[in-house]
Amino acid sequence: METRKRVLGDEHPSTLTSMANLAYTFKNQGDVDRAVSLMQDCYKRQVEVLGPRHPDAISSREALSAWRLEA
């Protein structure tokens, strides 16, 4: 993900997808706090770049809502 950030930028859609994927990986490994933190950052950027109605932003928002209940 750091390479994508460096090459494409923090707010490029591919970087945002990598951020969301990494957040899911943290969640699947049981690191819910880290997953929530990363997904919050990802979601904020997705809303700014893609808009709140974009499918990726909606998916991230739904994941965040569910994960916060577990944290």
PDB file of N, CA and C in Angstrom:
ATOM      1  N   MET A   1       0.818  -1.180   0.000  1.00  0.00           N
ATOM      2  CA  MET A   1       0.000   0.000   0.000  1.00  0.00           C
ATOM      3  C   MET A   1       0.871   1.257   0.000  1.00  0.00           C
ATOM      4  N   GLU A   2       1.983   1.207   0.703  1.00  0.00           N
ATOM      5  CA  GLU A   2       2.860   2.382   0.742  1.00  0.00           C
ATOM      6  C   GLU A   2       3.399   2.713  -0.647  1.00  0.00           C
ATOM      7  N   THR A   3       3.667   1.689  -1.441  1.00  0.00           N
ATOM      8  CA  THR A   3       4.138   1.930  -2.805  1.00  0.00           C
ATOM      9  C   THR A   3       3.056   2.614  -3.623  1.00  0.00           C
ATOM     10  N   ARG A   4       1.824   2.157  -3.494  1.00  0.00           N
ATOM     11  CA  ARG A   4       0.717   2.797  -4.211  1.00  0.00           C
ATOM     12  C   ARG A   4       0.575   4.257  -3.794  1.00  0.00           C
ATOM     13  N   LYS A   5       0.681   4.518  -2.503  1.00  0.00           N
ATOM     14  CA  LYS A   5       0.574   5.900  -2.025  1.00  0.00           C
ATOM     15  C   LYS A   5       1.665   6.763  -2.642  1.00  0.00           C
ATOM     16  N   ARG A   6       2.878   6.221  -2.671  1.00  0.00           N
ATOM     17  CA  ARG A   6       3.997   6.985  -3.199  1.00  0.00           C
ATOM     18  C   ARG A   6       3.860   7.213  -4.700  1.00  0.00           C
ATOM     19  N   VAL A   7       3.453   6.181  -5.428  1.00  0.00           N
ATOM     20  CA  VAL A   7       3.386   6.267  -6.886  1.00  0.00           C
ATOM     21  C   VAL A   7       2.108   6.960  -7.361  1.00  0.00           C
ATOM     22  N   LEU A   8       0.975   6.570  -6.791  1.00  0.00           N
ATOM     23  CA  LEU A   8      -0.312   7.064  -7.277  1.00  0.00           C
ATOM     24  C   LEU A   8      -0.874   8.227  -6.459  1.00  0.00           C
ATOM     25  N   GLY A   9      -0.474   8.314  -5.214  1.00  0.00           N
ATOM     26  CA  GLY A   9      -1.002   9.345  -4.327  1.00  0.00           C
ATOM     27  C   GLY A   9      -1.977   8.757  -3.323  1.00  0.00           C
ATOM     28  N   ASP A  10      -2.170   9.486  -2.222  1.00  0.00           N
ATOM     29  CA  ASP A  10      -3.018   9.021  -1.122  1.00  0.00           C
ATOM     30  C   ASP A  10      -4.483   8.866  -1.499  1.00  0.00           C
ATOM     31  N   GLU A  11      -4.930   9.612  -2.487  1.00  0.00           N
ATOM     32  CA  GLU A  11      -6.361   9.632  -2.781  1.00  0.00           C
ATOM     33  C   GLU A  11      -6.727   9.000  -4.121  1.00  0.00           C
ATOM     34  N   HIS A  12      -5.785   8.315  -4.725  1.00  0.00           N
ATOM     35  CA  HIS A  12      -6.087   7.618  -5.981  1.00  0.00           C
ATOM     36  C   HIS A  12      -7.027   6.447  -5.672  1.00  0.00           C
ATOM     37  N   PRO A  13      -8.015   6.191  -6.527  1.00  0.00           N
ATOM     38  CA  PRO A  13      -8.949   5.086  -6.272  1.00  0.00           C
ATOM     39  C   PRO A  13      -8.271   3.736  -6.020  1.00  0.00           C
ATOM     40  N   SER A  14      -7.178   3.452  -6.705  1.00  0.00           N
ATOM     41  CA  SER A  14      -6.474   2.182  -6.469  1.00  0.00           C
ATOM     42  C   SER A  14      -5.844   2.140  -5.084  1.00  0.00           C
ATOM     43  N   THR A  15      -5.346   3.266  -4.623  1.00  0.00           N
ATOM     44  CA  THR A  15      -4.794   3.346  -3.274  1.00  0.00           C
ATOM     45  C   THR A  15      -5.893   3.127  -2.248  1.00  0.00           C
ATOM     46  N   LEU A  16      -7.052   3.727  -2.480  1.00  0.00           N
ATOM     47  CA  LEU A  16      -8.176   3.571  -1.557  1.00  0.00           C
ATOM     48  C   LEU A  16      -8.648   2.119  -1.505  1.00  0.00           C
ATOM     49  N   THR A  17      -8.651   1.449  -2.640  1.00  0.00           N
ATOM     50  CA  THR A  17      -9.013   0.028  -2.667  1.00  0.00           C
ATOM     51  C   THR A  17      -8.016  -0.791  -1.859  1.00  0.00           C
ATOM     52  N   SER A  18      -6.735  -0.481  -2.005  1.00  0.00           N
ATOM     53  CA  SER A  18      -5.713  -1.186  -1.226  1.00  0.00           C
ATOM     54  C   SER A  18      -5.890  -0.935   0.267  1.00  0.00           C
ATOM     55  N   MET A  19      -6.235   0.285   0.636  1.00  0.00           N
ATOM     56  CA  MET A  19      -6.468   0.602   2.050  1.00  0.00           C
ATOM     57  C   MET A  19      -7.625  -0.221   2.601  1.00  0.00           C
ATOM     58  N   ALA A  20      -8.712  -0.275   1.852  1.00  0.00           N
ATOM     59  CA  ALA A  20      -9.876  -1.048   2.300  1.00  0.00           C
ATOM     60  C   ALA A  20      -9.526  -2.528   2.409  1.00  0.00           C
ATOM     61  N   ASN A  21      -8.796  -3.045   1.433  1.00  0.00           N
ATOM     62  CA  ASN A  21      -8.399  -4.459   1.475  1.00  0.00           C
ATOM     63  C   ASN A  21      -7.520  -4.753   2.684  1.00  0.00           C
ATOM     64  N   LEU A  22      -6.607  -3.851   2.993  1.00  0.00           N
ATOM     65  CA  LEU A  22      -5.745  -4.043   4.153  1.00  0.00           C
ATOM     66  C   LEU A  22      -6.563  -3.980   5.448  1.00  0.00           C
ATOM     67  N   ALA A  23      -7.539  -3.092   5.497  1.00  0.00           N
ATOM     68  CA  ALA A  23      -8.415  -3.022   6.674  1.00  0.00           C
ATOM     69  C   ALA A  23      -9.157  -4.342   6.864  1.00  0.00           C
ATOM     70  N   TYR A  24      -9.666  -4.912   5.772  1.00  0.00           N
ATOM     71  CA  TYR A  24     -10.332  -6.221   5.861  1.00  0.00           C
ATOM     72  C   TYR A  24      -9.359  -7.301   6.338  1.00  0.00           C
ATOM     73  N   THR A  25      -8.111  -7.226   5.896  1.00  0.00           N
ATOM     74  CA  THR A  25      -7.107  -8.193   6.337  1.00  0.00           C
ATOM     75  C   THR A  25      -6.881  -8.081   7.843  1.00  0.00           C
ATOM     76  N   PHE A  26      -6.738  -6.848   8.334  1.00  0.00           N
ATOM     77  CA  PHE A  26      -6.585  -6.651   9.779  1.00  0.00           C
ATOM     78  C   PHE A  26      -7.783  -7.225  10.531  1.00  0.00           C
ATOM     79  N   LYS A  27      -8.971  -6.972  10.019  1.00  0.00           N
ATOM     80  CA  LYS A  27     -10.194  -7.474  10.661  1.00  0.00           C
ATOM     81  C   LYS A  27     -10.184  -9.000  10.696  1.00  0.00           C
ATOM     82  N   ASN A  28      -9.846  -9.622   9.578  1.00  0.00           N
ATOM     83  CA  ASN A  28      -9.824 -11.084   9.498  1.00  0.00           C
ATOM     84  C   ASN A  28      -8.761 -11.704  10.396  1.00  0.00           C
ATOM     85  N   GLN A  29      -7.729 -10.938  10.709  1.00  0.00           N
ATOM     86  CA  GLN A  29      -6.682 -11.414  11.609  1.00  0.00           C
ATOM     87  C   GLN A  29      -7.021 -11.135  13.073  1.00  0.00           C
ATOM     88  N   GLY A  30      -8.177 -10.516  13.305  1.00  0.00           N
ATOM     89  CA  GLY A  30      -8.606 -10.247  14.670  1.00  0.00           C
ATOM     90  C   GLY A  30      -8.170  -8.907  15.234  1.00  0.00           C
ATOM     91  N   ASP A  31      -7.545  -8.084  14.415  1.00  0.00           N
ATOM     92  CA  ASP A  31      -7.088  -6.765  14.867  1.00  0.00           C
ATOM     93  C   ASP A  31      -8.153  -5.721  14.513  1.00  0.00           C
ATOM     94  N   VAL A  32      -9.251  -5.770  15.250  1.00  0.00           N
ATOM     95  CA  VAL A  32     -10.418  -4.939  14.932  1.00  0.00           C
ATOM     96  C   VAL A  32     -10.106  -3.457  15.100  1.00  0.00           C
ATOM     97  N   ASP A  33      -9.388  -3.092  16.146  1.00  0.00           N
ATOM     98  CA  ASP A  33      -9.078  -1.675  16.367  1.00  0.00           C
ATOM     99  C   ASP A  33      -8.275  -1.093  15.206  1.00  0.00           C
ATOM    100  N   ARG A  34      -7.294  -1.834  14.754  1.00  0.00           N
ATOM    101  CA  ARG A  34      -6.476  -1.373  13.619  1.00  0.00           C
ATOM    102  C   ARG A  34      -7.306  -1.327  12.337  1.00  0.00           C
ATOM    103  N   ALA A  35      -8.181  -2.300  12.163  1.00  0.00           N
ATOM    104  CA  ALA A  35      -9.055  -2.332  10.988  1.00  0.00           C
ATOM    105  C   ALA A  35      -9.981  -1.121  10.976  1.00  0.00           C
ATOM    106  N   VAL A  36     -10.570  -0.820  12.113  1.00  0.00           N
ATOM    107  CA  VAL A  36     -11.487   0.326  12.205  1.00  0.00           C
ATOM    108  C   VAL A  36     -10.741   1.623  11.921  1.00  0.00           C
ATOM    109  N   SER A  37      -9.574   1.775  12.495  1.00  0.00           N
ATOM    110  CA  SER A  37      -8.791   2.991  12.292  1.00  0.00           C
ATOM    111  C   SER A  37      -8.462   3.209  10.818  1.00  0.00           C
ATOM    112  N   LEU A  38      -7.994   2.169  10.161  1.00  0.00           N
ATOM    113  CA  LEU A  38      -7.642   2.285   8.744  1.00  0.00           C
ATOM    114  C   LEU A  38      -8.882   2.513   7.887  1.00  0.00           C
ATOM    115  N   MET A  39      -9.965   1.808   8.186  1.00  0.00           N
ATOM    116  CA  MET A  39     -11.178   1.965   7.386  1.00  0.00           C
ATOM    117  C   MET A  39     -11.790   3.348   7.570  1.00  0.00           C
ATOM    118  N   GLN A  40     -11.663   3.933   8.753  1.00  0.00           N
ATOM    119  CA  GLN A  40     -12.156   5.297   8.958  1.00  0.00           C
ATOM    120  C   GLN A  40     -11.436   6.263   8.032  1.00  0.00           C
ATOM    121  N   ASP A  41     -10.125   6.133   7.971  1.00  0.00           N
ATOM    122  CA  ASP A  41      -9.330   6.984   7.090  1.00  0.00           C
ATOM    123  C   ASP A  41      -9.702   6.739   5.635  1.00  0.00           C
ATOM    124  N   CYS A  42      -9.825   5.484   5.268  1.00  0.00           N
ATOM    125  CA  CYS A  42     -10.188   5.118   3.901  1.00  0.00           C
ATOM    126  C   CYS A  42     -11.554   5.684   3.532  1.00  0.00           C
ATOM    127  N   TYR A  43     -12.526   5.493   4.403  1.00  0.00           N
ATOM    128  CA  TYR A  43     -13.887   5.961   4.123  1.00  0.00           C
ATOM    129  C   TYR A  43     -13.921   7.480   3.952  1.00  0.00           C
ATOM    130  N   LYS A  44     -13.233   8.197   4.819  1.00  0.00           N
ATOM    131  CA  LYS A  44     -13.193   9.659   4.711  1.00  0.00           C
ATOM    132  C   LYS A  44     -12.660  10.083   3.341  1.00  0.00           C
ATOM    133  N   ARG A  45     -11.591   9.444   2.919  1.00  0.00           N
ATOM    134  CA  ARG A  45     -11.000   9.776   1.619  1.00  0.00           C
ATOM    135  C   ARG A  45     -11.920   9.357   0.463  1.00  0.00           C
ATOM    136  N   GLN A  46     -12.569   8.201   0.600  1.00  0.00           N
ATOM    137  CA  GLN A  46     -13.491   7.754  -0.447  1.00  0.00           C
ATOM    138  C   GLN A  46     -14.627   8.754  -0.637  1.00  0.00           C
ATOM    139  N   VAL A  47     -15.172   9.246   0.454  1.00  0.00           N
ATOM    140  CA  VAL A  47     -16.263  10.220   0.361  1.00  0.00           C
ATOM    141  C   VAL A  47     -15.775  11.489  -0.331  1.00  0.00           C
ATOM    142  N   GLU A  48     -14.571  11.936   0.017  1.00  0.00           N
ATOM    143  CA  GLU A  48     -14.018  13.143  -0.597  1.00  0.00           C
ATOM    144  C   GLU A  48     -13.748  12.955  -2.085  1.00  0.00           C
ATOM    145  N   VAL A  49     -13.207  11.797  -2.454  1.00  0.00           N
ATOM    146  CA  VAL A  49     -12.770  11.559  -3.834  1.00  0.00           C
ATOM    147  C   VAL A  49     -13.888  10.991  -4.702  1.00  0.00           C
ATOM    148  N   LEU A  50     -14.609  10.006  -4.179  1.00  0.00           N
ATOM    149  CA  LEU A  50     -15.588   9.272  -4.980  1.00  0.00           C
ATOM    150  C   LEU A  50     -17.026   9.721  -4.739  1.00  0.00           C
ATOM    151  N   GLY A  51     -17.261  10.315  -3.580  1.00  0.00           N
ATOM    152  CA  GLY A  51     -18.615  10.721  -3.211  1.00  0.00           C
ATOM    153  C   GLY A  51     -19.259   9.694  -2.293  1.00  0.00           C
ATOM    154  N   PRO A  52     -20.208  10.142  -1.468  1.00  0.00           N
ATOM    155  CA  PRO A  52     -20.810   9.260  -0.468  1.00  0.00           C
ATOM    156  C   PRO A  52     -21.693   8.157  -1.043  1.00  0.00           C
ATOM    157  N   ARG A  53     -22.097   8.288  -2.275  1.00  0.00           N
ATOM    158  CA  ARG A  53     -22.976   7.276  -2.878  1.00  0.00           C
ATOM    159  C   ARG A  53     -22.234   6.259  -3.738  1.00  0.00           C
ATOM    160  N   HIS A  54     -20.930   6.398  -3.809  1.00  0.00           N
ATOM    161  CA  HIS A  54     -20.139   5.441  -4.586  1.00  0.00           C
ATOM    162  C   HIS A  54     -20.187   4.080  -3.883  1.00  0.00           C
ATOM    163  N   PRO A  55     -20.290   2.989  -4.647  1.00  0.00           N
ATOM    164  CA  PRO A  55     -20.370   1.655  -4.033  1.00  0.00           C
ATOM    165  C   PRO A  55     -19.224   1.341  -3.069  1.00  0.00           C
ATOM    166  N   ASP A  56     -18.012   1.785  -3.381  1.00  0.00           N
ATOM    167  CA  ASP A  56     -16.886   1.522  -2.478  1.00  0.00           C
ATOM    168  C   ASP A  56     -17.063   2.249  -1.149  1.00  0.00           C
ATOM    169  N   ALA A  57     -17.526   3.488  -1.200  1.00  0.00           N
ATOM    170  CA  ALA A  57     -17.755   4.257   0.028  1.00  0.00           C
ATOM    171  C   ALA A  57     -18.874   3.629   0.854  1.00  0.00           C
ATOM    172  N   ILE A  58     -19.911   3.192   0.190  1.00  0.00           N
ATOM    173  CA  ILE A  58     -21.027   2.547   0.897  1.00  0.00           C
ATOM    174  C   ILE A  58     -20.551   1.264   1.571  1.00  0.00           C
ATOM    175  N   SER A  59     -19.778   0.468   0.861  1.00  0.00           N
ATOM    176  CA  SER A  59     -19.252  -0.778   1.421  1.00  0.00           C
ATOM    177  C   SER A  59     -18.364  -0.507   2.634  1.00  0.00           C
ATOM    178  N   SER A  60     -17.527   0.502   2.537  1.00  0.00           N
ATOM    179  CA  SER A  60     -16.652   0.846   3.658  1.00  0.00           C
ATOM    180  C   SER A  60     -17.457   1.336   4.852  1.00  0.00           C
ATOM    181  N   ARG A  61     -18.464   2.145   4.603  1.00  0.00           N
ATOM    182  CA  ARG A  61     -19.319   2.647   5.689  1.00  0.00           C
ATOM    183  C   ARG A  61     -20.022   1.493   6.401  1.00  0.00           C
ATOM    184  N   GLU A  62     -20.528   0.543   5.629  1.00  0.00           N
ATOM    185  CA  GLU A  62     -21.218  -0.606   6.224  1.00  0.00           C
ATOM    186  C   GLU A  62     -20.257  -1.467   7.043  1.00  0.00           C
ATOM    187  N   ALA A  63     -19.056  -1.679   6.525  1.00  0.00           N
ATOM    188  CA  ALA A  63     -18.061  -2.452   7.269  1.00  0.00           C
ATOM    189  C   ALA A  63     -17.708  -1.739   8.570  1.00  0.00           C
ATOM    190  N   LEU A  64     -17.499  -0.441   8.484  1.00  0.00           N
ATOM    191  CA  LEU A  64     -17.170   0.336   9.683  1.00  0.00           C
ATOM    192  C   LEU A  64     -18.256   0.224  10.739  1.00  0.00           C
ATOM    193  N   SER A  65     -19.488   0.338  10.318  1.00  0.00           N
ATOM    194  CA  SER A  65     -20.608   0.244  11.263  1.00  0.00           C
ATOM    195  C   SER A  65     -20.603  -1.098  11.980  1.00  0.00           C
ATOM    196  N   ALA A  66     -20.398  -2.158  11.239  1.00  0.00           N
ATOM    197  CA  ALA A  66     -20.381  -3.499  11.834  1.00  0.00           C
ATOM    198  C   ALA A  66     -19.168  -3.684  12.738  1.00  0.00           C
ATOM    199  N   TRP A  67     -18.014  -3.239  12.288  1.00  0.00           N
ATOM    200  CA  TRP A  67     -16.788  -3.435  13.055  1.00  0.00           C
ATOM    201  C   TRP A  67     -16.789  -2.635  14.347  1.00  0.00           C
ATOM    202  N   ARG A  68     -17.370  -1.451  14.323  1.00  0.00           N
ATOM    203  CA  ARG A  68     -17.413  -0.627  15.541  1.00  0.00           C
ATOM    204  C   ARG A  68     -18.188  -1.328  16.648  1.00  0.00           C
ATOM    205  N   LEU A  69     -19.151  -2.128  16.280  1.00  0.00           N
ATOM    206  CA  LEU A  69     -19.907  -2.878  17.285  1.00  0.00           C
ATOM    207  C   LEU A  69     -19.038  -3.933  17.958  1.00  0.00           C
ATOM    208  N   GLU A  70     -18.012  -4.401  17.240  1.00  0.00           N
ATOM    209  CA  GLU A  70     -17.121  -5.433  17.761  1.00  0.00           C
ATOM    210  C   GLU A  70     -15.942  -4.858  18.543  1.00  0.00           C
ATOM    211  N   ALA A  71     -15.602  -3.606  18.253  1.00  0.00           N
ATOM    212  CA  ALA A  71     -14.394  -3.002  18.865  1.00  0.00           C
ATOM    213  C   ALA A  71     -14.593  -2.704  20.336  1.00  0.00           C
TER     214      ALA A  71
END
